[in-house]
Amino acid sequence: MNSEDFEKLVHQALQDVPNDIQSNLANVDILIDDWPSKEQLFGSIIDDDQYLLGLYEGIPQTERFGYDMVLPDKITLFQKSIEAISTNELDIIENVKTTIFHELAHHFGIDDSALKKMGL
């Protein structure tokens, strides 16, 4: 899939995020890279770049105090990683949505163990 089509999928998935969540994303940048960098992998529990689909980098809302004049939090989706685990375009669409929701959950202070209990 070319990068423009993938970006459209990301924009569509973000449109599907409920308005009350969208209104709390004022200082969050959403980026797309092909693969995670070594530094991004190092900070995760995943050691194979093919399996890191997205990454939240920032201060979760539940841990903020005196939060002003800071760089935006960042959510990165890794296009080639998502494509590598997907069997077709419908899989890619679903994996983009799931990854965005997963990383947004981190922004709101929900960790991986809680997400796992929720089935995400």
PDB file of N, CA and C in Angstrom:
ATOM      1  N   MET A   1       0.856  -1.169   0.000  1.00  0.00           N
ATOM      2  CA  MET A   1       0.000   0.000   0.000  1.00  0.00           C
ATOM      3  C   MET A   1       0.904   1.234   0.000  1.00  0.00           C
ATOM      4  N   ASN A   2       0.534   2.217  -0.797  1.00  0.00           N
ATOM      5  CA  ASN A   2       1.378   3.410  -0.807  1.00  0.00           C
ATOM      6  C   ASN A   2       1.105   4.255   0.434  1.00  0.00           C
ATOM      7  N   SER A   3       2.010   5.162   0.703  1.00  0.00           N
ATOM      8  CA  SER A   3       1.933   5.941   1.948  1.00  0.00           C
ATOM      9  C   SER A   3       0.706   6.848   2.001  1.00  0.00           C
ATOM     10  N   GLU A   4       0.276   7.372   0.850  1.00  0.00           N
ATOM     11  CA  GLU A   4      -0.908   8.244   0.841  1.00  0.00           C
ATOM     12  C   GLU A   4      -2.167   7.463   1.227  1.00  0.00           C
ATOM     13  N   ASP A   5      -2.311   6.249   0.711  1.00  0.00           N
ATOM     14  CA  ASP A   5      -3.475   5.430   1.042  1.00  0.00           C
ATOM     15  C   ASP A   5      -3.458   5.036   2.519  1.00  0.00           C
ATOM     16  N   PHE A   6      -2.275   4.722   3.026  1.00  0.00           N
ATOM     17  CA  PHE A   6      -2.160   4.369   4.438  1.00  0.00           C
ATOM     18  C   PHE A   6      -2.526   5.576   5.308  1.00  0.00           C
ATOM     19  N   GLU A   7      -2.059   6.739   4.925  1.00  0.00           N
ATOM     20  CA  GLU A   7      -2.380   7.961   5.683  1.00  0.00           C
ATOM     21  C   GLU A   7      -3.886   8.209   5.705  1.00  0.00           C
ATOM     22  N   LYS A   8      -4.560   7.946   4.597  1.00  0.00           N
ATOM     23  CA  LYS A   8      -6.024   8.093   4.553  1.00  0.00           C
ATOM     24  C   LYS A   8      -6.693   7.143   5.548  1.00  0.00           C
ATOM     25  N   LEU A   9      -6.172   5.909   5.654  1.00  0.00           N
ATOM     26  CA  LEU A   9      -6.716   4.954   6.623  1.00  0.00           C
ATOM     27  C   LEU A   9      -6.551   5.470   8.048  1.00  0.00           C
ATOM     28  N   VAL A  10      -5.401   6.060   8.332  1.00  0.00           N
ATOM     29  CA  VAL A  10      -5.146   6.607   9.663  1.00  0.00           C
ATOM     30  C   VAL A  10      -6.116   7.754   9.942  1.00  0.00           C
ATOM     31  N   HIS A  11      -6.289   8.645   8.971  1.00  0.00           N
ATOM     32  CA  HIS A  11      -7.224   9.762   9.161  1.00  0.00           C
ATOM     33  C   HIS A  11      -8.647   9.258   9.386  1.00  0.00           C
ATOM     34  N   GLN A  12      -9.041   8.228   8.638  1.00  0.00           N
ATOM     35  CA  GLN A  12     -10.384   7.680   8.815  1.00  0.00           C
ATOM     36  C   GLN A  12     -10.543   7.059  10.200  1.00  0.00           C
ATOM     37  N   ALA A  13      -9.528   6.325  10.637  1.00  0.00           N
ATOM     38  CA  ALA A  13      -9.583   5.713  11.967  1.00  0.00           C
ATOM     39  C   ALA A  13      -9.682   6.784  13.046  1.00  0.00           C
ATOM     40  N   LEU A  14      -8.985   7.884  12.874  1.00  0.00           N
ATOM     41  CA  LEU A  14      -9.063   8.981  13.847  1.00  0.00           C
ATOM     42  C   LEU A  14     -10.440   9.626  13.847  1.00  0.00           C
ATOM     43  N   GLN A  15     -11.100   9.655  12.689  1.00  0.00           N
ATOM     44  CA  GLN A  15     -12.462  10.197  12.621  1.00  0.00           C
ATOM     45  C   GLN A  15     -13.442   9.313  13.391  1.00  0.00           C
ATOM     46  N   ASP A  16     -13.106   8.023  13.518  1.00  0.00           N
ATOM     47  CA  ASP A  16     -13.966   7.082  14.238  1.00  0.00           C
ATOM     48  C   ASP A  16     -13.805   7.164  15.757  1.00  0.00           C
ATOM     49  N   VAL A  17     -12.810   7.913  16.216  1.00  0.00           N
ATOM     50  CA  VAL A  17     -12.603   8.095  17.653  1.00  0.00           C
ATOM     51  C   VAL A  17     -13.730   8.992  18.177  1.00  0.00           C
ATOM     52  N   PRO A  18     -14.387   8.603  19.261  1.00  0.00           N
ATOM     53  CA  PRO A  18     -15.480   9.426  19.792  1.00  0.00           C
ATOM     54  C   PRO A  18     -15.043  10.870  20.065  1.00  0.00           C
ATOM     55  N   ASN A  19     -15.979  11.806  19.875  1.00  0.00           N
ATOM     56  CA  ASN A  19     -15.690  13.240  20.024  1.00  0.00           C
ATOM     57  C   ASN A  19     -15.145  13.598  21.405  1.00  0.00           C
ATOM     58  N   ASP A  20     -15.649  12.963  22.468  1.00  0.00           N
ATOM     59  CA  ASP A  20     -15.156  13.314  23.801  1.00  0.00           C
ATOM     60  C   ASP A  20     -13.698  12.906  23.989  1.00  0.00           C
ATOM     61  N   ILE A  21     -13.246  11.911  23.257  1.00  0.00           N
ATOM     62  CA  ILE A  21     -11.821  11.539  23.296  1.00  0.00           C
ATOM     63  C   ILE A  21     -11.033  12.484  22.400  1.00  0.00           C
ATOM     64  N   GLN A  22     -11.543  12.764  21.208  1.00  0.00           N
ATOM     65  CA  GLN A  22     -10.862  13.675  20.290  1.00  0.00           C
ATOM     66  C   GLN A  22     -10.614  15.037  20.929  1.00  0.00           C
ATOM     67  N   SER A  23     -11.548  15.493  21.742  1.00  0.00           N
ATOM     68  CA  SER A  23     -11.405  16.812  22.355  1.00  0.00           C
ATOM     69  C   SER A  23     -10.272  16.853  23.384  1.00  0.00           C
ATOM     70  N   ASN A  24      -9.755  15.702  23.783  1.00  0.00           N
ATOM     71  CA  ASN A  24      -8.646  15.641  24.736  1.00  0.00           C
ATOM     72  C   ASN A  24      -7.318  15.278  24.067  1.00  0.00           C
ATOM     73  N   LEU A  25      -7.227  15.533  22.765  1.00  0.00           N
ATOM     74  CA  LEU A  25      -6.008  15.215  22.023  1.00  0.00           C
ATOM     75  C   LEU A  25      -5.341  16.466  21.456  1.00  0.00           C
ATOM     76  N   ALA A  26      -5.531  17.588  22.127  1.00  0.00           N
ATOM     77  CA  ALA A  26      -5.034  18.862  21.598  1.00  0.00           C
ATOM     78  C   ALA A  26      -3.518  18.899  21.469  1.00  0.00           C
ATOM     79  N   ASN A  27      -2.791  18.218  22.325  1.00  0.00           N
ATOM     80  CA  ASN A  27      -1.331  18.286  22.295  1.00  0.00           C
ATOM     81  C   ASN A  27      -0.736  16.910  21.974  1.00  0.00           C
ATOM     82  N   VAL A  28      -1.331  16.246  20.968  1.00  0.00           N
ATOM     83  CA  VAL A  28      -0.861  14.928  20.540  1.00  0.00           C
ATOM     84  C   VAL A  28      -0.657  14.952  19.033  1.00  0.00           C
ATOM     85  N   ASP A  29       0.543  14.596  18.591  1.00  0.00           N
ATOM     86  CA  ASP A  29       0.829  14.467  17.167  1.00  0.00           C
ATOM     87  C   ASP A  29       0.716  12.990  16.784  1.00  0.00           C
ATOM     88  N   ILE A  30       0.115  12.739  15.630  1.00  0.00           N
ATOM     89  CA  ILE A  30       0.019  11.387  15.093  1.00  0.00           C
ATOM     90  C   ILE A  30       0.942  11.338  13.879  1.00  0.00           C
ATOM     91  N   LEU A  31       1.912  10.429  13.922  1.00  0.00           N
ATOM     92  CA  LEU A  31       2.896  10.301  12.849  1.00  0.00           C
ATOM     93  C   LEU A  31       2.856   8.902  12.258  1.00  0.00           C
ATOM     94  N   ILE A  32       3.386   8.787  11.050  1.00  0.00           N
ATOM     95  CA  ILE A  32       3.512   7.486  10.394  1.00  0.00           C
ATOM     96  C   ILE A  32       4.958   7.321   9.959  1.00  0.00           C
ATOM     97  N   ASP A  33       5.552   6.207  10.353  1.00  0.00           N
ATOM     98  CA  ASP A  33       6.879   5.813   9.885  1.00  0.00           C
ATOM     99  C   ASP A  33       6.766   4.425   9.273  1.00  0.00           C
ATOM    100  N   ASP A  34       7.750   4.050   8.468  1.00  0.00           N
ATOM    101  CA  ASP A  34       7.737   2.698   7.913  1.00  0.00           C
ATOM    102  C   ASP A  34       7.954   1.661   9.008  1.00  0.00           C
ATOM    103  N   TRP A  35       9.066   1.786   9.719  1.00  0.00           N
ATOM    104  CA  TRP A  35       9.468   0.828  10.766  1.00  0.00           C
ATOM    105  C   TRP A  35       9.896   1.594  12.007  1.00  0.00           C
ATOM    106  N   PRO A  36       9.847   0.977  13.164  1.00  0.00           N
ATOM    107  CA  PRO A  36      10.378   1.629  14.368  1.00  0.00           C
ATOM    108  C   PRO A  36      11.898   1.713  14.310  1.00  0.00           C
ATOM    109  N   SER A  37      12.433   2.738  14.926  1.00  0.00           N
ATOM    110  CA  SER A  37      13.891   2.878  15.024  1.00  0.00           C
ATOM    111  C   SER A  37      14.406   1.953  16.124  1.00  0.00           C
ATOM    112  N   LYS A  38      15.713   1.777  16.172  1.00  0.00           N
ATOM    113  CA  LYS A  38      16.317   0.967  17.242  1.00  0.00           C
ATOM    114  C   LYS A  38      16.019   1.572  18.611  1.00  0.00           C
ATOM    115  N   GLU A  39      16.025   2.898  18.674  1.00  0.00           N
ATOM    116  CA  GLU A  39      15.724   3.573  19.942  1.00  0.00           C
ATOM    117  C   GLU A  39      14.291   3.313  20.376  1.00  0.00           C
ATOM    118  N   GLN A  40      13.373   3.333  19.430  1.00  0.00           N
ATOM    119  CA  GLN A  40      11.978   3.067  19.760  1.00  0.00           C
ATOM    120  C   GLN A  40      11.783   1.620  20.202  1.00  0.00           C
ATOM    121  N   LEU A  41      12.470   0.703  19.560  1.00  0.00           N
ATOM    122  CA  LEU A  41      12.393  -0.702  19.971  1.00  0.00           C
ATOM    123  C   LEU A  41      12.999  -0.899  21.344  1.00  0.00           C
ATOM    124  N   PHE A  42      14.104  -0.212  21.609  1.00  0.00           N
ATOM    125  CA  PHE A  42      14.784  -0.347  22.896  1.00  0.00           C
ATOM    126  C   PHE A  42      13.874   0.038  24.050  1.00  0.00           C
ATOM    127  N   GLY A  43      13.039   1.035  23.853  1.00  0.00           N
ATOM    128  CA  GLY A  43      12.146   1.497  24.902  1.00  0.00           C
ATOM    129  C   GLY A  43      10.898   0.645  25.065  1.00  0.00           C
ATOM    130  N   SER A  44      10.713  -0.331  24.192  1.00  0.00           N
ATOM    131  CA  SER A  44       9.524  -1.185  24.277  1.00  0.00           C
ATOM    132  C   SER A  44       9.933  -2.575  24.771  1.00  0.00           C
ATOM    133  N   ILE A  45       8.933  -3.400  24.998  1.00  0.00           N
ATOM    134  CA  ILE A  45       9.222  -4.781  25.401  1.00  0.00           C
ATOM    135  C   ILE A  45       9.325  -5.693  24.184  1.00  0.00           C
ATOM    136  N   ILE A  46       9.201  -5.123  22.985  1.00  0.00           N
ATOM    137  CA  ILE A  46       9.236  -5.880  21.738  1.00  0.00           C
ATOM    138  C   ILE A  46      10.616  -5.725  21.124  1.00  0.00           C
ATOM    139  N   ASP A  47      11.202  -6.846  20.697  1.00  0.00           N
ATOM    140  CA  ASP A  47      12.553  -6.756  20.135  1.00  0.00           C
ATOM    141  C   ASP A  47      12.585  -6.958  18.625  1.00  0.00           C
ATOM    142  N   ASP A  48      11.449  -7.206  18.002  1.00  0.00           N
ATOM    143  CA  ASP A  48      11.387  -7.405  16.558  1.00  0.00           C
ATOM    144  C   ASP A  48      10.574  -6.266  15.958  1.00  0.00           C
ATOM    145  N   ASP A  49      11.194  -5.469  15.069  1.00  0.00           N
ATOM    146  CA  ASP A  49      10.513  -4.293  14.531  1.00  0.00           C
ATOM    147  C   ASP A  49       9.235  -4.632  13.783  1.00  0.00           C
ATOM    148  N   GLN A  50       9.108  -5.863  13.316  1.00  0.00           N
ATOM    149  CA  GLN A  50       7.910  -6.267  12.598  1.00  0.00           C
ATOM    150  C   GLN A  50       6.681  -6.275  13.499  1.00  0.00           C
ATOM    151  N   TYR A  51       6.877  -6.421  14.804  1.00  0.00           N
ATOM    152  CA  TYR A  51       5.746  -6.578  15.707  1.00  0.00           C
ATOM    153  C   TYR A  51       5.421  -5.342  16.538  1.00  0.00           C
ATOM    154  N   LEU A  52       6.184  -4.290  16.397  1.00  0.00           N
ATOM    155  CA  LEU A  52       5.829  -3.032  17.045  1.00  0.00           C
ATOM    156  C   LEU A  52       5.007  -2.236  16.033  1.00  0.00           C
ATOM    157  N   LEU A  53       3.694  -2.201  16.247  1.00  0.00           N
ATOM    158  CA  LEU A  53       2.782  -1.594  15.290  1.00  0.00           C
ATOM    159  C   LEU A  53       2.591  -0.104  15.534  1.00  0.00           C
ATOM    160  N   GLY A  54       2.717   0.302  16.783  1.00  0.00           N
ATOM    161  CA  GLY A  54       2.546   1.698  17.140  1.00  0.00           C
ATOM    162  C   GLY A  54       3.254   1.988  18.440  1.00  0.00           C
ATOM    163  N   LEU A  55       3.465   3.258  18.718  1.00  0.00           N
ATOM    164  CA  LEU A  55       4.183   3.640  19.930  1.00  0.00           C
ATOM    165  C   LEU A  55       3.675   4.994  20.417  1.00  0.00           C
ATOM    166  N   TYR A  56       3.356   5.043  21.713  1.00  0.00           N
ATOM    167  CA  TYR A  56       2.998   6.300  22.367  1.00  0.00           C
ATOM    168  C   TYR A  56       4.220   6.795  23.114  1.00  0.00           C
ATOM    169  N   GLU A  57       4.600   8.040  22.853  1.00  0.00           N
ATOM    170  CA  GLU A  57       5.713   8.669  23.554  1.00  0.00           C
ATOM    171  C   GLU A  57       5.198   9.987  24.131  1.00  0.00           C
ATOM    172  N   GLY A  58       5.191  10.059  25.449  1.00  0.00           N
ATOM    173  CA  GLY A  58       4.694  11.265  26.087  1.00  0.00           C
ATOM    174  C   GLY A  58       4.405  11.024  27.549  1.00  0.00           C
ATOM    175  N   ILE A  59       3.666  11.937  28.123  1.00  0.00           N
ATOM    176  CA  ILE A  59       3.278  11.847  29.529  1.00  0.00           C
ATOM    177  C   ILE A  59       1.777  11.564  29.568  1.00  0.00           C
ATOM    178  N   PRO A  60       1.385  10.361  30.027  1.00  0.00           N
ATOM    179  CA  PRO A  60      -0.054  10.059  30.088  1.00  0.00           C
ATOM    180  C   PRO A  60      -0.803  11.108  30.904  1.00  0.00           C
ATOM    181  N   GLN A  61      -2.034  11.352  30.536  1.00  0.00           N
ATOM    182  CA  GLN A  61      -2.826  12.376  31.218  1.00  0.00           C
ATOM    183  C   GLN A  61      -2.951  12.112  32.711  1.00  0.00           C
ATOM    184  N   THR A  62      -2.915  10.854  33.110  1.00  0.00           N
ATOM    185  CA  THR A  62      -3.041  10.522  34.527  1.00  0.00           C
ATOM    186  C   THR A  62      -1.791  10.858  35.330  1.00  0.00           C
ATOM    187  N   GLU A  63      -0.682  11.182  34.665  1.00  0.00           N
ATOM    188  CA  GLU A  63       0.579  11.470  35.353  1.00  0.00           C
ATOM    189  C   GLU A  63       1.012  12.927  35.211  1.00  0.00           C
ATOM    190  N   ARG A  64       0.155  13.764  34.725  1.00  0.00           N
ATOM    191  CA  ARG A  64       0.525  15.161  34.469  1.00  0.00           C
ATOM    192  C   ARG A  64       0.291  16.036  35.686  1.00  0.00           C
ATOM    193  N   PHE A  65       1.274  16.906  35.902  1.00  0.00           N
ATOM    194  CA  PHE A  65       1.165  17.917  36.943  1.00  0.00           C
ATOM    195  C   PHE A  65       1.938  19.129  36.452  1.00  0.00           C
ATOM    196  N   GLY A  66       1.314  20.266  36.438  1.00  0.00           N
ATOM    197  CA  GLY A  66       1.978  21.465  35.936  1.00  0.00           C
ATOM    198  C   GLY A  66       2.363  21.311  34.474  1.00  0.00           C
ATOM    199  N   TYR A  67       1.481  20.738  33.709  1.00  0.00           N
ATOM    200  CA  TYR A  67       1.739  20.390  32.319  1.00  0.00           C
ATOM    201  C   TYR A  67       1.427  21.564  31.407  1.00  0.00           C
ATOM    202  N   ASP A  68       2.454  22.354  31.098  1.00  0.00           N
ATOM    203  CA  ASP A  68       2.283  23.422  30.123  1.00  0.00           C
ATOM    204  C   ASP A  68       3.638  23.716  29.490  1.00  0.00           C
ATOM    205  N   MET A  69       3.590  24.327  28.336  1.00  0.00           N
ATOM    206  CA  MET A  69       4.807  24.686  27.601  1.00  0.00           C
ATOM    207  C   MET A  69       5.695  23.461  27.352  1.00  0.00           C
ATOM    208  N   VAL A  70       5.088  22.361  26.938  1.00  0.00           N
ATOM    209  CA  VAL A  70       5.838  21.141  26.638  1.00  0.00           C
ATOM    210  C   VAL A  70       5.594  20.741  25.189  1.00  0.00           C
ATOM    211  N   LEU A  71       6.511  19.956  24.660  1.00  0.00           N
ATOM    212  CA  LEU A  71       6.334  19.424  23.319  1.00  0.00           C
ATOM    213  C   LEU A  71       5.131  18.483  23.306  1.00  0.00           C
ATOM    214  N   PRO A  72       4.503  18.328  22.153  1.00  0.00           N
ATOM    215  CA  PRO A  72       3.348  17.427  22.079  1.00  0.00           C
ATOM    216  C   PRO A  72       3.736  15.978  22.367  1.00  0.00           C
ATOM    217  N   ASP A  73       2.790  15.232  22.924  1.00  0.00           N
ATOM    218  CA  ASP A  73       2.941  13.793  22.985  1.00  0.00           C
ATOM    219  C   ASP A  73       2.919  13.300  21.543  1.00  0.00           C
ATOM    220  N   LYS A  74       3.434  12.088  21.334  1.00  0.00           N
ATOM    221  CA  LYS A  74       3.550  11.589  19.972  1.00  0.00           C
ATOM    222  C   LYS A  74       3.058  10.146  19.909  1.00  0.00           C
ATOM    223  N   ILE A  75       2.213   9.886  18.939  1.00  0.00           N
ATOM    224  CA  ILE A  75       1.810   8.520  18.619  1.00  0.00           C
ATOM    225  C   ILE A  75       2.310   8.245  17.214  1.00  0.00           C
ATOM    226  N   THR A  76       3.092   7.181  17.080  1.00  0.00           N
ATOM    227  CA  THR A  76       3.619   6.798  15.778  1.00  0.00           C
ATOM    228  C   THR A  76       3.041   5.455  15.383  1.00  0.00           C
ATOM    229  N   LEU A  77       2.523   5.387  14.176  1.00  0.00           N
ATOM    230  CA  LEU A  77       2.091   4.119  13.598  1.00  0.00           C
ATOM    231  C   LEU A  77       3.154   3.672  12.606  1.00  0.00           C
ATOM    232  N   PHE A  78       3.455   2.380  12.610  1.00  0.00           N
ATOM    233  CA  PHE A  78       4.503   1.844  11.748  1.00  0.00           C
ATOM    234  C   PHE A  78       3.858   1.068  10.603  1.00  0.00           C
ATOM    235  N   GLN A  79       3.822   1.714   9.446  1.00  0.00           N
ATOM    236  CA  GLN A  79       3.100   1.181   8.294  1.00  0.00           C
ATOM    237  C   GLN A  79       3.584  -0.197   7.892  1.00  0.00           C
ATOM    238  N   LYS A  80       4.872  -0.384   7.716  1.00  0.00           N
ATOM    239  CA  LYS A  80       5.388  -1.675   7.240  1.00  0.00           C
ATOM    240  C   LYS A  80       5.160  -2.778   8.262  1.00  0.00           C
ATOM    241  N   SER A  81       5.205  -2.444   9.544  1.00  0.00           N
ATOM    242  CA  SER A  81       4.923  -3.432  10.593  1.00  0.00           C
ATOM    243  C   SER A  81       3.462  -3.867  10.512  1.00  0.00           C
ATOM    244  N   ILE A  82       2.562  -2.906  10.366  1.00  0.00           N
ATOM    245  CA  ILE A  82       1.136  -3.221  10.271  1.00  0.00           C
ATOM    246  C   ILE A  82       0.863  -4.053   9.018  1.00  0.00           C
ATOM    247  N   GLU A  83       1.472  -3.671   7.922  1.00  0.00           N
ATOM    248  CA  GLU A  83       1.284  -4.436   6.686  1.00  0.00           C
ATOM    249  C   GLU A  83       1.846  -5.847   6.807  1.00  0.00           C
ATOM    250  N   ALA A  84       2.959  -5.998   7.523  1.00  0.00           N
ATOM    251  CA  ALA A  84       3.607  -7.303   7.650  1.00  0.00           C
ATOM    252  C   ALA A  84       2.742  -8.318   8.399  1.00  0.00           C
ATOM    253  N   ILE A  85       1.931  -7.855   9.346  1.00  0.00           N
ATOM    254  CA  ILE A  85       1.107  -8.803  10.096  1.00  0.00           C
ATOM    255  C   ILE A  85      -0.302  -8.936   9.510  1.00  0.00           C
ATOM    256  N   SER A  86      -0.600  -8.172   8.471  1.00  0.00           N
ATOM    257  CA  SER A  86      -1.934  -8.166   7.869  1.00  0.00           C
ATOM    258  C   SER A  86      -1.955  -9.054   6.632  1.00  0.00           C
ATOM    259  N   THR A  87      -3.071  -9.751   6.445  1.00  0.00           N
ATOM    260  CA  THR A  87      -3.173 -10.656   5.295  1.00  0.00           C
ATOM    261  C   THR A  87      -3.835 -10.012   4.083  1.00  0.00           C
ATOM    262  N   ASN A  88      -4.571  -8.920   4.314  1.00  0.00           N
ATOM    263  CA  ASN A  88      -5.235  -8.230   3.202  1.00  0.00           C
ATOM    264  C   ASN A  88      -5.558  -6.799   3.636  1.00  0.00           C
ATOM    265  N   GLU A  89      -6.202  -6.053   2.745  1.00  0.00           N
ATOM    266  CA  GLU A  89      -6.481  -4.642   3.038  1.00  0.00           C
ATOM    267  C   GLU A  89      -7.449  -4.478   4.212  1.00  0.00           C
ATOM    268  N   LEU A  90      -8.420  -5.376   4.337  1.00  0.00           N
ATOM    269  CA  LEU A  90      -9.342  -5.291   5.479  1.00  0.00           C
ATOM    270  C   LEU A  90      -8.599  -5.492   6.796  1.00  0.00           C
ATOM    271  N   ASP A  91      -7.627  -6.384   6.798  1.00  0.00           N
ATOM    272  CA  ASP A  91      -6.777  -6.582   7.982  1.00  0.00           C
ATOM    273  C   ASP A  91      -6.000  -5.310   8.312  1.00  0.00           C
ATOM    274  N   ILE A  92      -5.472  -4.671   7.271  1.00  0.00           N
ATOM    275  CA  ILE A  92      -4.713  -3.432   7.481  1.00  0.00           C
ATOM    276  C   ILE A  92      -5.616  -2.390   8.128  1.00  0.00           C
ATOM    277  N   ILE A  93      -6.834  -2.236   7.611  1.00  0.00           N
ATOM    278  CA  ILE A  93      -7.777  -1.255   8.160  1.00  0.00           C
ATOM    279  C   ILE A  93      -8.043  -1.553   9.631  1.00  0.00           C
ATOM    280  N   GLU A  94      -8.311  -2.813   9.953  1.00  0.00           N
ATOM    281  CA  GLU A  94      -8.610  -3.189  11.335  1.00  0.00           C
ATOM    282  C   GLU A  94      -7.385  -2.999  12.237  1.00  0.00           C
ATOM    283  N   ASN A  95      -6.209  -3.341  11.743  1.00  0.00           N
ATOM    284  CA  ASN A  95      -4.990  -3.191  12.548  1.00  0.00           C
ATOM    285  C   ASN A  95      -4.641  -1.722  12.773  1.00  0.00           C
ATOM    286  N   VAL A  96      -4.924  -0.866  11.806  1.00  0.00           N
ATOM    287  CA  VAL A  96      -4.717   0.579  12.001  1.00  0.00           C
ATOM    288  C   VAL A  96      -5.640   1.076  13.113  1.00  0.00           C
ATOM    289  N   LYS A  97      -6.925   0.710  13.043  1.00  0.00           N
ATOM    290  CA  LYS A  97      -7.881   1.145  14.064  1.00  0.00           C
ATOM    291  C   LYS A  97      -7.474   0.644  15.446  1.00  0.00           C
ATOM    292  N   THR A  98      -7.152  -0.627  15.525  1.00  0.00           N
ATOM    293  CA  THR A  98      -6.783  -1.219  16.815  1.00  0.00           C
ATOM    294  C   THR A  98      -5.536  -0.554  17.377  1.00  0.00           C
ATOM    295  N   THR A  99      -4.553  -0.307  16.519  1.00  0.00           N
ATOM    296  CA  THR A  99      -3.305   0.314  16.971  1.00  0.00           C
ATOM    297  C   THR A  99      -3.557   1.737  17.463  1.00  0.00           C
ATOM    298  N   ILE A 100      -4.347   2.498  16.741  1.00  0.00           N
ATOM    299  CA  ILE A 100      -4.653   3.859  17.178  1.00  0.00           C
ATOM    300  C   ILE A 100      -5.356   3.839  18.527  1.00  0.00           C
ATOM    301  N   PHE A 101      -6.366   2.999  18.681  1.00  0.00           N
ATOM    302  CA  PHE A 101      -7.085   2.931  19.952  1.00  0.00           C
ATOM    303  C   PHE A 101      -6.158   2.489  21.077  1.00  0.00           C
ATOM    304  N   HIS A 102      -5.261   1.544  20.793  1.00  0.00           N
ATOM    305  CA  HIS A 102      -4.310   1.055  21.794  1.00  0.00           C
ATOM    306  C   HIS A 102      -3.394   2.189  22.263  1.00  0.00           C
ATOM    307  N   GLU A 103      -2.835   2.925  21.321  1.00  0.00           N
ATOM    308  CA  GLU A 103      -1.909   4.001  21.675  1.00  0.00           C
ATOM    309  C   GLU A 103      -2.637   5.171  22.340  1.00  0.00           C
ATOM    310  N   LEU A 104      -3.856   5.452  21.915  1.00  0.00           N
ATOM    311  CA  LEU A 104      -4.640   6.494  22.593  1.00  0.00           C
ATOM    312  C   LEU A 104      -4.932   6.089  24.034  1.00  0.00           C
ATOM    313  N   ALA A 105      -5.154   4.809  24.259  1.00  0.00           N
ATOM    314  CA  ALA A 105      -5.374   4.334  25.629  1.00  0.00           C
ATOM    315  C   ALA A 105      -4.162   4.643  26.495  1.00  0.00           C
ATOM    316  N   HIS A 106      -2.959   4.468  25.963  1.00  0.00           N
ATOM    317  CA  HIS A 106      -1.747   4.815  26.714  1.00  0.00           C
ATOM    318  C   HIS A 106      -1.729   6.306  27.045  1.00  0.00           C
ATOM    319  N   HIS A 107      -2.162   7.131  26.101  1.00  0.00           N
ATOM    320  CA  HIS A 107      -2.223   8.574  26.333  1.00  0.00           C
ATOM    321  C   HIS A 107      -3.122   8.895  27.532  1.00  0.00           C
ATOM    322  N   PHE A 108      -4.158   8.106  27.713  1.00  0.00           N
ATOM    323  CA  PHE A 108      -5.088   8.328  28.821  1.00  0.00           C
ATOM    324  C   PHE A 108      -4.725   7.518  30.066  1.00  0.00           C
ATOM    325  N   GLY A 109      -3.514   6.940  30.073  1.00  0.00           N
ATOM    326  CA  GLY A 109      -3.004   6.292  31.280  1.00  0.00           C
ATOM    327  C   GLY A 109      -3.344   4.824  31.434  1.00  0.00           C
ATOM    328  N   ILE A 110      -3.830   4.185  30.398  1.00  0.00           N
ATOM    329  CA  ILE A 110      -4.153   2.761  30.468  1.00  0.00           C
ATOM    330  C   ILE A 110      -2.928   1.978  29.995  1.00  0.00           C
ATOM    331  N   ASP A 111      -2.384   1.130  30.878  1.00  0.00           N
ATOM    332  CA  ASP A 111      -1.160   0.401  30.529  1.00  0.00           C
ATOM    333  C   ASP A 111      -1.479  -0.906  29.802  1.00  0.00           C
ATOM    334  N   ASP A 112      -0.417  -1.579  29.333  1.00  0.00           N
ATOM    335  CA  ASP A 112      -0.582  -2.798  28.544  1.00  0.00           C
ATOM    336  C   ASP A 112      -1.298  -3.917  29.296  1.00  0.00           C
ATOM    337  N   SER A 113      -1.048  -4.049  30.586  1.00  0.00           N
ATOM    338  CA  SER A 113      -1.706  -5.126  31.334  1.00  0.00           C
ATOM    339  C   SER A 113      -3.216  -4.881  31.408  1.00  0.00           C
ATOM    340  N   ALA A 114      -3.629  -3.645  31.600  1.00  0.00           N
ATOM    341  CA  ALA A 114      -5.059  -3.329  31.602  1.00  0.00           C
ATOM    342  C   ALA A 114      -5.662  -3.526  30.221  1.00  0.00           C
ATOM    343  N   LEU A 115      -4.918  -3.139  29.179  1.00  0.00           N
ATOM    344  CA  LEU A 115      -5.407  -3.343  27.809  1.00  0.00           C
ATOM    345  C   LEU A 115      -5.562  -4.830  27.501  1.00  0.00           C
ATOM    346  N   LYS A 116      -4.620  -5.623  27.982  1.00  0.00           N
ATOM    347  CA  LYS A 116      -4.680  -7.071  27.751  1.00  0.00           C
ATOM    348  C   LYS A 116      -5.947  -7.649  28.407  1.00  0.00           C
ATOM    349  N   LYS A 117      -6.263  -7.184  29.614  1.00  0.00           N
ATOM    350  CA  LYS A 117      -7.481  -7.643  30.298  1.00  0.00           C
ATOM    351  C   LYS A 117      -8.731  -7.255  29.509  1.00  0.00           C
ATOM    352  N   MET A 118      -8.662  -6.123  28.782  1.00  0.00           N
ATOM    353  CA  MET A 118      -9.790  -5.659  27.976  1.00  0.00           C
ATOM    354  C   MET A 118      -9.836  -6.332  26.604  1.00  0.00           C
ATOM    355  N   GLY A 119      -8.836  -7.143  26.293  1.00  0.00           N
ATOM    356  CA  GLY A 119      -8.802  -7.799  25.001  1.00  0.00           C
ATOM    357  C   GLY A 119      -8.160  -6.987  23.894  1.00  0.00           C
ATOM    358  N   LEU A 120      -7.421  -5.947  24.284  1.00  0.00           N
ATOM    359  CA  LEU A 120      -6.731  -5.122  23.280  1.00  0.00           C
ATOM    360  C   LEU A 120      -5.234  -5.317  23.369  1.00  0.00           C
TER     361      LEU A 120
END
